[in-house]
N, C-alpha and C. Protein backbone atom coordinates (compact mmCIF):
# COMPACT_ATOMS: atom_id res chain seq x y z
N MET A 1 78.88 91.81 100.54
CA MET A 1 79.86 92.28 99.58
C MET A 1 79.28 92.16 98.18
N ILE A 2 79.60 93.12 97.35
CA ILE A 2 79.13 93.13 95.98
C ILE A 2 79.99 92.24 95.08
N THR A 3 79.36 91.54 94.16
CA THR A 3 80.10 90.69 93.26
C THR A 3 80.58 91.50 92.05
N LEU A 4 81.52 90.93 91.33
CA LEU A 4 82.01 91.60 90.12
C LEU A 4 80.91 91.82 89.12
N ASP A 5 80.06 90.81 88.93
CA ASP A 5 78.95 90.96 87.99
C ASP A 5 78.01 92.09 88.43
N GLN A 6 77.73 92.20 89.71
CA GLN A 6 76.87 93.28 90.21
C GLN A 6 77.52 94.64 89.98
N ALA A 7 78.82 94.72 90.21
CA ALA A 7 79.52 95.98 89.98
C ALA A 7 79.46 96.38 88.52
N ILE A 8 79.68 95.39 87.62
CA ILE A 8 79.61 95.69 86.17
C ILE A 8 78.21 96.14 85.79
N ASP A 9 77.20 95.44 86.30
CA ASP A 9 75.83 95.82 85.99
C ASP A 9 75.51 97.23 86.48
N THR A 10 76.03 97.58 87.64
CA THR A 10 75.82 98.93 88.16
C THR A 10 76.49 99.98 87.29
N VAL A 11 77.73 99.70 86.89
CA VAL A 11 78.46 100.65 86.04
C VAL A 11 77.79 100.80 84.69
N LYS A 12 77.24 99.72 84.16
CA LYS A 12 76.54 99.79 82.86
C LYS A 12 75.32 100.71 82.90
N GLN A 13 74.80 100.96 84.10
CA GLN A 13 73.64 101.83 84.24
C GLN A 13 74.03 103.31 84.17
N LEU A 14 75.29 103.63 84.33
CA LEU A 14 75.79 104.99 84.26
C LEU A 14 75.78 105.47 82.82
N PRO A 15 75.67 106.77 82.62
CA PRO A 15 75.82 107.31 81.28
C PRO A 15 77.24 107.01 80.79
N ILE A 16 77.37 106.89 79.46
CA ILE A 16 78.67 106.49 78.86
C ILE A 16 79.81 107.40 79.29
N GLU A 17 79.54 108.71 79.43
CA GLU A 17 80.58 109.66 79.84
C GLU A 17 81.10 109.31 81.22
N GLN A 18 80.20 108.97 82.14
CA GLN A 18 80.59 108.61 83.50
C GLN A 18 81.31 107.25 83.52
N GLN A 19 80.90 106.35 82.62
CA GLN A 19 81.63 105.06 82.52
C GLN A 19 83.06 105.33 82.07
N GLU A 20 83.26 106.23 81.13
CA GLU A 20 84.58 106.58 80.66
C GLU A 20 85.43 107.22 81.75
N ILE A 21 84.80 108.11 82.52
CA ILE A 21 85.50 108.75 83.63
C ILE A 21 85.94 107.69 84.66
N LEU A 22 85.02 106.77 84.97
CA LEU A 22 85.31 105.70 85.94
C LEU A 22 86.44 104.83 85.43
N ALA A 23 86.39 104.45 84.16
CA ALA A 23 87.46 103.62 83.60
C ALA A 23 88.79 104.35 83.67
N ASP A 24 88.77 105.65 83.37
CA ASP A 24 90.01 106.45 83.44
C ASP A 24 90.57 106.51 84.86
N ILE A 25 89.69 106.67 85.83
CA ILE A 25 90.11 106.72 87.24
C ILE A 25 90.76 105.41 87.63
N PHE A 26 90.10 104.29 87.30
CA PHE A 26 90.67 102.99 87.65
C PHE A 26 91.99 102.73 86.94
N TYR A 27 92.08 103.12 85.69
CA TYR A 27 93.30 102.94 84.92
C TYR A 27 94.47 103.69 85.58
N HIS A 28 94.24 104.96 85.90
CA HIS A 28 95.32 105.74 86.49
C HIS A 28 95.67 105.29 87.91
N ARG A 29 94.69 104.84 88.67
CA ARG A 29 94.97 104.32 90.00
C ARG A 29 95.81 103.02 89.91
N HIS A 30 95.46 102.21 88.90
CA HIS A 30 96.24 100.98 88.71
C HIS A 30 97.68 101.31 88.33
N LEU A 31 97.86 102.27 87.43
CA LEU A 31 99.22 102.66 87.04
C LEU A 31 100.00 103.18 88.23
N GLU A 32 99.37 104.00 89.06
CA GLU A 32 100.05 104.54 90.22
C GLU A 32 100.44 103.44 91.20
N LYS A 33 99.55 102.48 91.40
CA LYS A 33 99.84 101.33 92.28
C LYS A 33 101.04 100.56 91.75
N ARG A 34 101.07 100.29 90.45
CA ARG A 34 102.20 99.57 89.85
C ARG A 34 103.50 100.37 89.99
N ARG A 35 103.42 101.67 89.82
CA ARG A 35 104.62 102.51 89.99
C ARG A 35 105.16 102.41 91.41
N ARG A 36 104.25 102.42 92.39
CA ARG A 36 104.71 102.28 93.79
C ARG A 36 105.32 100.91 94.03
N GLU A 37 104.72 99.86 93.46
CA GLU A 37 105.29 98.52 93.62
C GLU A 37 106.66 98.42 92.97
N ILE A 38 106.81 98.98 91.79
CA ILE A 38 108.11 98.95 91.10
C ILE A 38 109.14 99.75 91.86
N ALA A 39 108.75 100.91 92.40
CA ALA A 39 109.69 101.73 93.20
C ALA A 39 110.11 100.99 94.43
N GLU A 40 109.19 100.29 95.09
CA GLU A 40 109.55 99.53 96.28
C GLU A 40 110.49 98.39 95.94
N ASP A 41 110.22 97.69 94.84
CA ASP A 41 111.13 96.64 94.39
C ASP A 41 112.53 97.20 94.11
N ALA A 42 112.56 98.37 93.48
CA ALA A 42 113.86 98.99 93.19
C ALA A 42 114.59 99.36 94.47
N ARG A 43 113.86 99.91 95.46
CA ARG A 43 114.49 100.23 96.75
C ARG A 43 115.08 99.00 97.40
N LYS A 44 114.33 97.91 97.38
CA LYS A 44 114.82 96.66 97.99
C LYS A 44 116.02 96.12 97.22
N SER A 45 115.98 96.21 95.91
CA SER A 45 117.12 95.73 95.11
C SER A 45 118.36 96.55 95.36
N ILE A 46 118.21 97.86 95.46
CA ILE A 46 119.35 98.74 95.73
C ILE A 46 119.92 98.45 97.12
N ALA A 47 119.02 98.23 98.11
CA ALA A 47 119.50 97.89 99.44
C ALA A 47 120.24 96.55 99.45
N ASP A 48 119.70 95.57 98.69
CA ASP A 48 120.38 94.28 98.60
C ASP A 48 121.73 94.43 97.92
N PHE A 49 121.79 95.26 96.88
CA PHE A 49 123.06 95.51 96.18
C PHE A 49 124.08 96.09 97.14
N HIS A 50 123.68 97.11 97.89
CA HIS A 50 124.62 97.76 98.81
C HIS A 50 125.02 96.82 99.97
N ALA A 51 124.14 95.88 100.28
CA ALA A 51 124.45 94.92 101.35
C ALA A 51 125.27 93.74 100.84
N GLY A 52 125.54 93.74 99.54
CA GLY A 52 126.37 92.67 98.94
C GLY A 52 125.61 91.36 98.75
N LYS A 53 124.28 91.44 98.69
CA LYS A 53 123.46 90.24 98.55
C LYS A 53 123.21 89.82 97.11
N LEU A 54 123.60 90.64 96.15
CA LEU A 54 123.38 90.34 94.74
C LEU A 54 124.64 89.83 94.08
N GLU A 55 124.46 88.84 93.21
CA GLU A 55 125.57 88.24 92.50
C GLU A 55 125.86 89.07 91.26
N SER A 56 127.12 89.37 91.04
CA SER A 56 127.56 90.09 89.87
C SER A 56 127.67 89.14 88.68
N LYS A 57 127.15 89.57 87.51
CA LYS A 57 127.22 88.74 86.31
C LYS A 57 127.56 89.64 85.12
N PRO A 58 128.17 89.06 84.11
CA PRO A 58 128.41 89.83 82.87
C PRO A 58 127.06 90.20 82.22
N VAL A 59 127.01 91.35 81.59
CA VAL A 59 125.79 91.84 80.95
C VAL A 59 125.26 90.85 79.94
N GLN A 60 126.12 90.27 79.14
CA GLN A 60 125.66 89.34 78.10
C GLN A 60 124.96 88.11 78.71
N GLU A 61 125.44 87.64 79.85
CA GLU A 61 124.81 86.52 80.54
C GLU A 61 123.41 86.89 81.04
N ILE A 62 123.28 88.09 81.56
CA ILE A 62 121.98 88.59 82.04
C ILE A 62 121.00 88.70 80.88
N ILE A 63 121.45 89.24 79.76
CA ILE A 63 120.61 89.39 78.58
C ILE A 63 120.14 88.01 78.08
N SER A 64 121.06 87.07 78.05
CA SER A 64 120.72 85.70 77.64
C SER A 64 119.66 85.10 78.56
N GLU A 65 119.82 85.27 79.86
CA GLU A 65 118.86 84.75 80.81
C GLU A 65 117.49 85.40 80.65
N LEU A 66 117.49 86.71 80.39
CA LEU A 66 116.22 87.41 80.16
C LEU A 66 115.53 86.91 78.90
N ARG A 67 116.30 86.69 77.88
CA ARG A 67 115.72 86.18 76.62
C ARG A 67 115.15 84.79 76.82
N MET A 68 115.87 83.92 77.54
CA MET A 68 115.36 82.60 77.78
C MET A 68 114.07 82.65 78.61
N THR A 69 114.02 83.52 79.59
CA THR A 69 112.86 83.67 80.42
C THR A 69 111.66 84.17 79.61
N SER A 70 111.89 85.17 78.78
CA SER A 70 110.81 85.74 77.99
C SER A 70 110.33 84.78 76.92
N ASP A 71 111.18 83.86 76.46
CA ASP A 71 110.79 82.85 75.47
C ASP A 71 110.07 81.70 76.10
N GLY A 72 110.09 81.62 77.42
CA GLY A 72 109.44 80.53 78.13
C GLY A 72 110.27 79.26 78.17
N THR A 73 111.55 79.38 77.80
CA THR A 73 112.41 78.17 77.80
C THR A 73 113.06 77.91 79.15
N ASN A 74 112.95 78.86 80.07
CA ASN A 74 113.49 78.70 81.39
C ASN A 74 112.37 78.49 82.38
N GLU A 75 112.11 77.28 82.80
CA GLU A 75 110.96 76.93 83.62
C GLU A 75 111.33 76.83 85.10
N SER A 76 112.29 77.58 85.60
CA SER A 76 112.69 77.44 86.99
C SER A 76 111.82 78.18 87.92
């Protein structure tokens, strides 16, 4: 198996235009993979919602929890 350093060294041997094309390919593949993951999470959440597995909360409470989480003050 090739190591990350070996892969980087190999890519560095390519002309700059091909390095840019390769970077663009990886970037777009990564975005597409994340989109699929997010879509799958959404499908699961919707199914859980319809199955009654999600707890209903007031919007303000959810926003407060999100703010605490993004501030790093919620370590659960």
